Amino acid sequence: MKKLHAFNPLLATTTLVLCAVSVPLMAATKKEPWELAQETEVWEPVPPVISSPANGVPSDATVLFDGKNLSQWQAVEGGGAAEWKVAEGAFTVVPKKGDIRTKESFCDVQLHIEWKTPTNFIGEDGKPTESQGRSNSGVFFQERYEIQVLDNYNNKTYPNGQVASVYKQTIPLVNASRAPGEWQTYDIIFTSPKFDSAQKLTKPGYVTVLHNGVLAQNHVEIQGATEWIGKPVYKAHGCAPLRLQDHGNLVSFRNIWVRKL
């Protein structure tokens, strides 16, 4: 005679729970690949649509120089009209007229700017200029953080002060200089530093620089405001203008636009 086992309610309950759990697991394994793929699709937010013509200006950019006038700029000293020379779709530093800056202030931006150094680099003493005397200028973000502009074509200088350097801070990865007289480009992504309500730095600034389409600075940390003498330090500030430097050299600029990020 076969022995009967006593009914075990705990075992029965466990079996039912396991069966219940196995049902959705089995259902999940039966999903089609496309159904599984949909689970990781994100549909919001949708990026805005802009136009970006070849060798043109993105539709969401602010044009800072259209080849005609310096209406978007002003003199740093005194705040009057920018007195650099405009001709043939470009403008050129007029030595001793001083730096110029945008009338508008910016925080995080993408900047496109083209610049050219002259082929005649003879100094006032009649001798060829060299090192930092060779077509020196600079692009300053928030009037504090400089990306160096310099003719570094066959022109040796200290590397943390050469073209595409974060001046006196970060040496560029490469020297992509073109010969004097040729137009060169900077495409720069600038992330501004952040400060709290107590004016304390909470996040440093960062910059990425492409010189003539070649990566020269790869999201490097800015150590503070640009200094000629001494170490860079941060002082709290808000959004501020872009600034171009009059270093006494005839550097020209054209096709300047900026996108707020």
C-alpha atoms as a PDB file:
ATOM      1  CA  MET A   1       0.000   0.000   0.000  1.00  0.00           C
ATOM      2  CA  LYS A   2       1.497   3.468  -1.039  1.00  0.00           C
ATOM      3  CA  LYS A   3       2.179   5.748   1.883  1.00  0.00           C
ATOM      4  CA  LEU A   4       0.299   9.055   1.773  1.00  0.00           C
ATOM      5  CA  HIS A   5       2.207  12.260   2.620  1.00  0.00           C
ATOM      6  CA  ALA A   6       0.665  14.824   4.873  1.00  0.00           C
ATOM      7  CA  PHE A   7      -0.407  18.085   3.226  1.00  0.00           C
ATOM      8  CA  ASN A   8       2.191  20.843   3.778  1.00  0.00           C
ATOM      9  CA  PRO A   9       0.563  24.315   3.432  1.00  0.00           C
ATOM     10  CA  LEU A  10       3.930  26.149   3.491  1.00  0.00           C
ATOM     11  CA  LEU A  11       5.238  24.102   0.573  1.00  0.00           C
ATOM     12  CA  ALA A  12       2.062  24.668  -1.371  1.00  0.00           C
ATOM     13  CA  THR A  13       2.221  28.426  -0.833  1.00  0.00           C
ATOM     14  CA  THR A  14       5.881  28.576  -1.947  1.00  0.00           C
ATOM     15  CA  THR A  15       5.070  26.632  -5.089  1.00  0.00           C
ATOM     16  CA  LEU A  16       2.244  29.005  -5.968  1.00  0.00           C
ATOM     17  CA  VAL A  17       4.487  32.053  -5.446  1.00  0.00           C
ATOM     18  CA  LEU A  18       7.226  30.605  -7.647  1.00  0.00           C
ATOM     19  CA  CYS A  19       4.703  29.855 -10.356  1.00  0.00           C
ATOM     20  CA  ALA A  20       3.317  33.373 -10.136  1.00  0.00           C
ATOM     21  CA  VAL A  21       6.804  34.888 -10.453  1.00  0.00           C
ATOM     22  CA  SER A  22       7.696  32.689 -13.399  1.00  0.00           C
ATOM     23  CA  VAL A  23       4.749  33.950 -15.455  1.00  0.00           C
ATOM     24  CA  PRO A  24       6.050  37.540 -16.032  1.00  0.00           C
ATOM     25  CA  LEU A  25       9.579  36.248 -16.468  1.00  0.00           C
ATOM     26  CA  MET A  26       8.428  33.911 -19.178  1.00  0.00           C
ATOM     27  CA  ALA A  27       6.403  36.725 -20.734  1.00  0.00           C
ATOM     28  CA  ALA A  28       9.505  39.004 -20.799  1.00  0.00           C
ATOM     29  CA  THR A  29      11.568  36.418 -22.613  1.00  0.00           C
ATOM     30  CA  LYS A  30       8.927  36.262 -25.293  1.00  0.00           C
ATOM     31  CA  LYS A  31       9.271  39.948 -26.261  1.00  0.00           C
ATOM     32  CA  GLU A  32      10.411  40.659 -29.781  1.00  0.00           C
ATOM     33  CA  PRO A  33      13.836  42.347 -30.183  1.00  0.00           C
ATOM     34  CA  TRP A  34      12.238  45.576 -31.348  1.00  0.00           C
ATOM     35  CA  GLU A  35      10.088  45.649 -28.221  1.00  0.00           C
ATOM     36  CA  LEU A  36      13.151  45.275 -26.028  1.00  0.00           C
ATOM     37  CA  ALA A  37      14.919  48.013 -28.014  1.00  0.00           C
ATOM     38  CA  GLN A  38      12.013  50.400 -27.419  1.00  0.00           C
ATOM     39  CA  GLU A  39      12.556  50.189 -23.673  1.00  0.00           C
ATOM     40  CA  THR A  40      15.727  52.289 -23.986  1.00  0.00           C
ATOM     41  CA  GLU A  41      14.397  54.857 -26.474  1.00  0.00           C
ATOM     42  CA  VAL A  42      14.108  58.408 -25.105  1.00  0.00           C
ATOM     43  CA  TRP A  43      11.766  60.728 -27.002  1.00  0.00           C
ATOM     44  CA  GLU A  44      11.934  63.906 -24.903  1.00  0.00           C
ATOM     45  CA  PRO A  45      13.242  66.571 -25.062  1.00  0.00           C
ATOM     46  CA  VAL A  46      13.445  67.061 -28.817  1.00  0.00           C
ATOM     47  CA  PRO A  47      16.485  69.158 -29.910  1.00  0.00           C
ATOM     48  CA  PRO A  48      15.519  72.403 -31.690  1.00  0.00           C
ATOM     49  CA  VAL A  49      15.985  72.445 -35.448  1.00  0.00           C
ATOM     50  CA  ILE A  50      18.451  75.005 -36.817  1.00  0.00           C
ATOM     51  CA  SER A  51      19.977  75.594 -40.217  1.00  0.00           C
ATOM     52  CA  SER A  52      23.741  75.327 -40.624  1.00  0.00           C
ATOM     53  CA  PRO A  53      24.801  76.198 -44.166  1.00  0.00           C
ATOM     54  CA  ALA A  54      28.193  75.118 -45.449  1.00  0.00           C
ATOM     55  CA  ASN A  55      30.775  77.768 -44.557  1.00  0.00           C
ATOM     56  CA  GLY A  56      27.961  79.885 -43.182  1.00  0.00           C
ATOM     57  CA  VAL A  57      26.486  81.045 -39.894  1.00  0.00           C
ATOM     58  CA  PRO A  58      24.139  78.802 -37.848  1.00  0.00           C
ATOM     59  CA  SER A  59      20.643  80.211 -37.675  1.00  0.00           C
ATOM     60  CA  ASP A  60      20.731  80.434 -33.864  1.00  0.00           C
ATOM     61  CA  ALA A  61      24.028  82.367 -33.758  1.00  0.00           C
ATOM     62  CA  THR A  62      24.595  86.043 -32.997  1.00  0.00           C
ATOM     63  CA  VAL A  63      26.719  87.725 -35.678  1.00  0.00           C
ATOM     64  CA  LEU A  64      29.308  89.962 -34.022  1.00  0.00           C
ATOM     65  CA  PHE A  65      30.862  91.216 -37.248  1.00  0.00           C
ATOM     66  CA  ASP A  66      29.154  91.151 -40.627  1.00  0.00           C
ATOM     67  CA  GLY A  67      32.013  92.645 -42.634  1.00  0.00           C
ATOM     68  CA  LYS A  68      30.523  96.133 -42.652  1.00  0.00           C
ATOM     69  CA  ASN A  69      30.919  97.875 -39.309  1.00  0.00           C
ATOM     70  CA  LEU A  70      31.782  97.498 -35.630  1.00  0.00           C
ATOM     71  CA  SER A  71      28.321  98.345 -34.323  1.00  0.00           C
ATOM     72  CA  GLN A  72      28.416  95.309 -31.997  1.00  0.00           C
ATOM     73  CA  TRP A  73      31.671  96.488 -30.399  1.00  0.00           C
ATOM     74  CA  GLN A  74      32.922  99.337 -28.263  1.00  0.00           C
ATOM     75  CA  ALA A  75      36.210 100.642 -26.918  1.00  0.00           C
ATOM     76  CA  VAL A  76      37.212  99.192 -23.555  1.00  0.00           C
ATOM     77  CA  GLU A  77      38.613 102.521 -22.390  1.00  0.00           C
ATOM     78  CA  GLY A  78      35.787 104.992 -22.068  1.00  0.00           C
ATOM     79  CA  GLY A  79      33.145 102.783 -23.693  1.00  0.00           C
ATOM     80  CA  GLY A  80      32.991 104.846 -26.879  1.00  0.00           C
ATOM     81  CA  ALA A  81      32.961 103.631 -30.459  1.00  0.00           C
ATOM     82  CA  ALA A  82      35.470 100.955 -31.453  1.00  0.00           C
ATOM     83  CA  GLU A  83      38.108 102.737 -33.577  1.00  0.00           C
ATOM     84  CA  TRP A  84      39.743  99.794 -35.321  1.00  0.00           C
ATOM     85  CA  LYS A  85      39.870  99.973 -39.122  1.00  0.00           C
ATOM     86  CA  VAL A  86      37.147  98.259 -41.189  1.00  0.00           C
ATOM     87  CA  ALA A  87      37.961  97.466 -44.839  1.00  0.00           C
ATOM     88  CA  GLU A  88      37.285  94.694 -47.371  1.00  0.00           C
ATOM     89  CA  GLY A  89      35.059  92.656 -45.081  1.00  0.00           C
ATOM     90  CA  ALA A  90      37.479  92.597 -42.155  1.00  0.00           C
ATOM     91  CA  PHE A  91      38.691  94.859 -39.378  1.00  0.00           C
ATOM     92  CA  THR A  92      42.235  95.461 -38.182  1.00  0.00           C
ATOM     93  CA  VAL A  93      43.819  96.598 -34.944  1.00  0.00           C
ATOM     94  CA  VAL A  94      44.772 100.245 -34.948  1.00  0.00           C
ATOM     95  CA  PRO A  95      47.732 100.374 -32.566  1.00  0.00           C
ATOM     96  CA  LYS A  96      47.284 102.562 -29.479  1.00  0.00           C
ATOM     97  CA  LYS A  97      43.512 102.788 -29.956  1.00  0.00           C
ATOM     98  CA  GLY A  98      43.130 100.166 -27.240  1.00  0.00           C
ATOM     99  CA  ASP A  99      41.242  96.898 -26.783  1.00  0.00           C
ATOM    100  CA  ILE A 100      37.661  96.507 -27.975  1.00  0.00           C
ATOM    101  CA  ARG A 101      34.840  94.434 -26.490  1.00  0.00           C
ATOM    102  CA  THR A 102      31.330  93.354 -27.406  1.00  0.00           C
ATOM    103  CA  LYS A 103      28.431  95.442 -26.191  1.00  0.00           C
ATOM    104  CA  GLU A 104      26.657  92.233 -25.194  1.00  0.00           C
ATOM    105  CA  SER A 105      27.749  90.000 -22.316  1.00  0.00           C
ATOM    106  CA  PHE A 106      28.051  86.216 -22.538  1.00  0.00           C
ATOM    107  CA  CYS A 107      28.433  83.179 -20.288  1.00  0.00           C
ATOM    108  CA  ASP A 108      28.824  79.722 -21.915  1.00  0.00           C
ATOM    109  CA  VAL A 109      29.395  80.074 -25.657  1.00  0.00           C
ATOM    110  CA  GLN A 110      30.574  78.592 -28.921  1.00  0.00           C
ATOM    111  CA  LEU A 111      32.679  81.172 -30.741  1.00  0.00           C
ATOM    112  CA  HIS A 112      33.834  81.235 -34.355  1.00  0.00           C
ATOM    113  CA  ILE A 113      36.401  83.856 -35.306  1.00  0.00           C
ATOM    114  CA  GLU A 114      38.827  84.190 -38.231  1.00  0.00           C
ATOM    115  CA  TRP A 115      42.071  86.142 -38.050  1.00  0.00           C
ATOM    116  CA  LYS A 116      45.102  86.985 -40.179  1.00  0.00           C
ATOM    117  CA  THR A 117      48.597  88.259 -39.461  1.00  0.00           C
ATOM    118  CA  PRO A 118      50.482  90.512 -41.913  1.00  0.00           C
ATOM    119  CA  THR A 119      53.310  89.308 -44.108  1.00  0.00           C
ATOM    120  CA  ASN A 120      55.421  92.308 -43.201  1.00  0.00           C
ATOM    121  CA  PHE A 121      56.559  91.808 -39.604  1.00  0.00           C
ATOM    122  CA  ILE A 122      59.202  94.488 -39.348  1.00  0.00           C
ATOM    123  CA  GLY A 123      59.313  96.343 -36.038  1.00  0.00           C
ATOM    124  CA  GLU A 124      59.716 100.073 -35.407  1.00  0.00           C
ATOM    125  CA  ASP A 125      63.470  99.522 -35.194  1.00  0.00           C
ATOM    126  CA  GLY A 126      63.521  98.215 -38.768  1.00  0.00           C
ATOM    127  CA  LYS A 127      64.301  94.647 -37.700  1.00  0.00           C
ATOM    128  CA  PRO A 128      62.046  91.576 -38.116  1.00  0.00           C
ATOM    129  CA  THR A 129      59.995  90.975 -35.005  1.00  0.00           C
ATOM    130  CA  GLU A 130      60.048  87.585 -33.311  1.00  0.00           C
ATOM    131  CA  SER A 131      58.594  85.600 -30.418  1.00  0.00           C
ATOM    132  CA  GLN A 132      55.812  87.579 -28.677  1.00  0.00           C
ATOM    133  CA  GLY A 133      56.430  90.586 -30.919  1.00  0.00           C
ATOM    134  CA  ARG A 134      55.181  88.756 -34.011  1.00  0.00           C
ATOM    135  CA  SER A 135      51.554  89.824 -34.619  1.00  0.00           C
ATOM    136  CA  ASN A 136      50.370  89.476 -31.031  1.00  0.00           C
ATOM    137  CA  SER A 137      46.727  89.765 -30.007  1.00  0.00           C
ATOM    138  CA  GLY A 138      44.249  87.725 -28.003  1.00  0.00           C
ATOM    139  CA  VAL A 139      40.639  86.613 -27.652  1.00  0.00           C
ATOM    140  CA  PHE A 140      39.425  87.165 -24.096  1.00  0.00           C
ATOM    141  CA  PHE A 141      36.333  85.392 -22.786  1.00  0.00           C
ATOM    142  CA  GLN A 142      34.452  87.373 -20.156  1.00  0.00           C
ATOM    143  CA  GLU A 143      37.270  89.943 -20.494  1.00  0.00           C
ATOM    144  CA  ARG A 144      39.497  87.707 -18.329  1.00  0.00           C
ATOM    145  CA  TYR A 145      40.474  84.417 -19.948  1.00  0.00           C
ATOM    146  CA  GLU A 146      42.753  84.726 -22.976  1.00  0.00           C
ATOM    147  CA  ILE A 147      43.284  82.444 -25.952  1.00  0.00           C
ATOM    148  CA  GLN A 148      46.485  83.710 -27.520  1.00  0.00           C
ATOM    149  CA  VAL A 149      46.622  85.036 -31.081  1.00  0.00           C
ATOM    150  CA  LEU A 150      50.159  85.050 -32.481  1.00  0.00           C
ATOM    151  CA  ASP A 151      52.087  84.381 -35.678  1.00  0.00           C
ATOM    152  CA  ASN A 152      53.797  81.114 -34.763  1.00  0.00           C
ATOM    153  CA  TYR A 153      54.727  80.119 -38.289  1.00  0.00           C
ATOM    154  CA  ASN A 154      58.481  79.480 -38.048  1.00  0.00           C
ATOM    155  CA  ASN A 155      58.474  81.711 -34.973  1.00  0.00           C
ATOM    156  CA  LYS A 156      59.677  80.229 -31.692  1.00  0.00           C
ATOM    157  CA  THR A 157      58.326  81.447 -28.356  1.00  0.00           C
ATOM    158  CA  TYR A 158      57.485  80.012 -24.938  1.00  0.00           C
ATOM    159  CA  PRO A 159      54.877  77.262 -25.550  1.00  0.00           C
ATOM    160  CA  ASN A 160      52.402  78.381 -22.885  1.00  0.00           C
ATOM    161  CA  GLY A 161      52.281  81.714 -24.690  1.00  0.00           C
ATOM    162  CA  GLN A 162      52.145  80.516 -28.284  1.00  0.00           C
ATOM    163  CA  VAL A 163      49.180  80.530 -30.634  1.00  0.00           C
ATOM    164  CA  ALA A 164      46.098  78.654 -29.311  1.00  0.00           C
ATOM    165  CA  SER A 165      47.465  78.543 -25.772  1.00  0.00           C
ATOM    166  CA  VAL A 166      45.393  79.478 -22.773  1.00  0.00           C
ATOM    167  CA  TYR A 167      47.880  82.266 -22.226  1.00  0.00           C
ATOM    168  CA  LYS A 168      50.476  81.503 -19.521  1.00  0.00           C
ATOM    169  CA  GLN A 169      48.389  78.475 -18.473  1.00  0.00           C
ATOM    170  CA  THR A 170      47.989  75.592 -20.933  1.00  0.00           C
ATOM    171  CA  ILE A 171      50.276  74.629 -23.814  1.00  0.00           C
ATOM    172  CA  PRO A 172      48.343  73.656 -26.989  1.00  0.00           C
ATOM    173  CA  LEU A 173      48.428  70.070 -28.225  1.00  0.00           C
ATOM    174  CA  VAL A 174      49.750  71.128 -31.645  1.00  0.00           C
ATOM    175  CA  ASN A 175      50.896  74.147 -33.628  1.00  0.00           C
ATOM    176  CA  ALA A 176      48.522  74.323 -36.607  1.00  0.00           C
ATOM    177  CA  SER A 177      49.698  77.746 -37.801  1.00  0.00           C
ATOM    178  CA  ARG A 178      49.320  78.869 -41.380  1.00  0.00           C
ATOM    179  CA  ALA A 179      51.749  81.243 -43.045  1.00  0.00           C
ATOM    180  CA  PRO A 180      51.434  84.998 -42.490  1.00  0.00           C
ATOM    181  CA  GLY A 181      48.877  86.540 -44.806  1.00  0.00           C
ATOM    182  CA  GLU A 182      46.597  83.462 -44.732  1.00  0.00           C
ATOM    183  CA  TRP A 183      43.302  83.501 -42.882  1.00  0.00           C
ATOM    184  CA  GLN A 184      43.166  81.260 -39.825  1.00  0.00           C
ATOM    185  CA  THR A 185      40.216  80.100 -37.737  1.00  0.00           C
ATOM    186  CA  TYR A 186      39.386  79.531 -34.113  1.00  0.00           C
ATOM    187  CA  ASP A 187      36.353  77.491 -33.110  1.00  0.00           C
ATOM    188  CA  ILE A 188      36.137  77.660 -29.350  1.00  0.00           C
ATOM    189  CA  ILE A 189      33.790  76.153 -26.766  1.00  0.00           C
ATOM    190  CA  PHE A 190      33.945  78.132 -23.530  1.00  0.00           C
ATOM    191  CA  THR A 191      32.283  77.049 -20.283  1.00  0.00           C
ATOM    192  CA  SER A 192      32.301  79.847 -17.749  1.00  0.00           C
ATOM    193  CA  PRO A 193      33.330  79.372 -14.116  1.00  0.00           C
ATOM    194  CA  LYS A 194      30.609  79.230 -11.485  1.00  0.00           C
ATOM    195  CA  PHE A 195      30.488  80.989  -8.115  1.00  0.00           C
ATOM    196  CA  ASP A 196      28.122  80.632  -5.146  1.00  0.00           C
ATOM    197  CA  SER A 197      26.289  83.385  -3.244  1.00  0.00           C
ATOM    198  CA  ALA A 198      29.356  83.874  -1.055  1.00  0.00           C
ATOM    199  CA  GLN A 199      31.461  84.640  -4.187  1.00  0.00           C
ATOM    200  CA  LYS A 200      33.327  81.351  -3.775  1.00  0.00           C
ATOM    201  CA  LEU A 201      34.364  79.334  -6.846  1.00  0.00           C
ATOM    202  CA  THR A 202      32.236  76.180  -7.149  1.00  0.00           C
ATOM    203  CA  LYS A 203      33.309  75.107 -10.636  1.00  0.00           C
ATOM    204  CA  PRO A 204      36.250  76.305 -12.755  1.00  0.00           C
ATOM    205  CA  GLY A 205      35.932  77.363 -16.359  1.00  0.00           C
ATOM    206  CA  TYR A 206      36.817  75.042 -19.243  1.00  0.00           C
ATOM    207  CA  VAL A 207      37.774  75.637 -22.849  1.00  0.00           C
ATOM    208  CA  THR A 208      38.105  73.607 -26.038  1.00  0.00           C
ATOM    209  CA  VAL A 209      39.965  75.183 -28.961  1.00  0.00           C
ATOM    210  CA  LEU A 210      40.141  74.074 -32.588  1.00  0.00           C
ATOM    211  CA  HIS A 211      42.794  75.970 -34.524  1.00  0.00           C
ATOM    212  CA  ASN A 212      42.261  75.715 -38.279  1.00  0.00           C
ATOM    213  CA  GLY A 213      39.992  72.730 -37.616  1.00  0.00           C
ATOM    214  CA  VAL A 214      42.609  70.908 -35.506  1.00  0.00           C
ATOM    215  CA  LEU A 215      42.096  70.212 -31.799  1.00  0.00           C
ATOM    216  CA  ALA A 216      44.560  72.340 -29.833  1.00  0.00           C
ATOM    217  CA  GLN A 217      42.908  72.458 -26.374  1.00  0.00           C
ATOM    218  CA  ASN A 218      40.769  69.513 -25.278  1.00  0.00           C
ATOM    219  CA  HIS A 219      38.323  70.686 -22.597  1.00  0.00           C
ATOM    220  CA  VAL A 220      41.128  72.027 -20.402  1.00  0.00           C
ATOM    221  CA  GLU A 221      40.529  73.618 -17.033  1.00  0.00           C
ATOM    222  CA  ILE A 222      41.080  77.366 -16.809  1.00  0.00           C
ATOM    223  CA  GLN A 223      43.164  78.157 -13.741  1.00  0.00           C
ATOM    224  CA  GLY A 224      41.980  81.734 -13.292  1.00  0.00           C
ATOM    225  CA  ALA A 225      42.084  85.121 -14.966  1.00  0.00           C
ATOM    226  CA  THR A 226      44.942  85.634 -17.430  1.00  0.00           C
ATOM    227  CA  GLU A 227      48.007  87.283 -15.909  1.00  0.00           C
ATOM    228  CA  TRP A 228      51.198  88.449 -17.616  1.00  0.00           C
ATOM    229  CA  ILE A 229      53.063  88.403 -14.312  1.00  0.00           C
ATOM    230  CA  GLY A 230      52.219  85.987 -11.523  1.00  0.00           C
ATOM    231  CA  LYS A 231      49.819  83.104 -11.083  1.00  0.00           C
ATOM    232  CA  PRO A 232      46.208  83.145 -12.319  1.00  0.00           C
ATOM    233  CA  VAL A 233      43.494  83.466  -9.690  1.00  0.00           C
ATOM    234  CA  TYR A 234      39.709  83.540  -9.779  1.00  0.00           C
ATOM    235  CA  LYS A 235      37.600  86.472  -8.659  1.00  0.00           C
ATOM    236  CA  ALA A 236      33.825  86.126  -8.728  1.00  0.00           C
ATOM    237  CA  HIS A 237      31.980  87.655 -11.677  1.00  0.00           C
ATOM    238  CA  GLY A 238      28.939  87.161 -13.854  1.00  0.00           C
ATOM    239  CA  CYS A 239      28.477  87.098 -17.606  1.00  0.00           C
ATOM    240  CA  ALA A 240      30.768  89.558 -19.391  1.00  0.00           C
ATOM    241  CA  PRO A 241      31.762  90.698 -22.903  1.00  0.00           C
ATOM    242  CA  LEU A 242      34.187  89.126 -25.339  1.00  0.00           C
ATOM    243  CA  ARG A 243      37.313  91.217 -25.772  1.00  0.00           C
ATOM    244  CA  LEU A 244      39.965  91.559 -28.496  1.00  0.00           C
ATOM    245  CA  GLN A 245      43.431  92.821 -27.646  1.00  0.00           C
ATOM    246  CA  ASP A 246      45.370  95.724 -29.093  1.00  0.00           C
ATOM    247  CA  HIS A 247      48.971  94.604 -28.540  1.00  0.00           C
ATOM    248  CA  GLY A 248      50.319  97.138 -31.008  1.00  0.00           C
ATOM    249  CA  ASN A 249      50.295  94.712 -33.960  1.00  0.00           C
ATOM    250  CA  LEU A 250      48.249  94.814 -37.178  1.00  0.00           C
ATOM    251  CA  VAL A 251      46.146  91.673 -36.712  1.00  0.00           C
ATOM    252  CA  SER A 252      42.922  91.450 -38.749  1.00  0.00           C
ATOM    253  CA  PHE A 253      39.623  89.714 -37.931  1.00  0.00           C
ATOM    254  CA  ARG A 254      36.494  88.681 -39.832  1.00  0.00           C
ATOM    255  CA  ASN A 255      33.471  86.307 -39.774  1.00  0.00           C
ATOM    256  CA  ILE A 256      32.780  86.447 -36.037  1.00  0.00           C
ATOM    257  CA  TRP A 257      29.734  84.759 -34.586  1.00  0.00           C
ATOM    258  CA  VAL A 258      28.763  83.285 -31.242  1.00  0.00           C
ATOM    259  CA  ARG A 259      26.164  80.791 -30.002  1.00  0.00           C
ATOM    260  CA  LYS A 260      24.939  80.941 -26.424  1.00  0.00           C
ATOM    261  CA  LEU A 261      25.010  77.490 -24.839  1.00  0.00           C
END
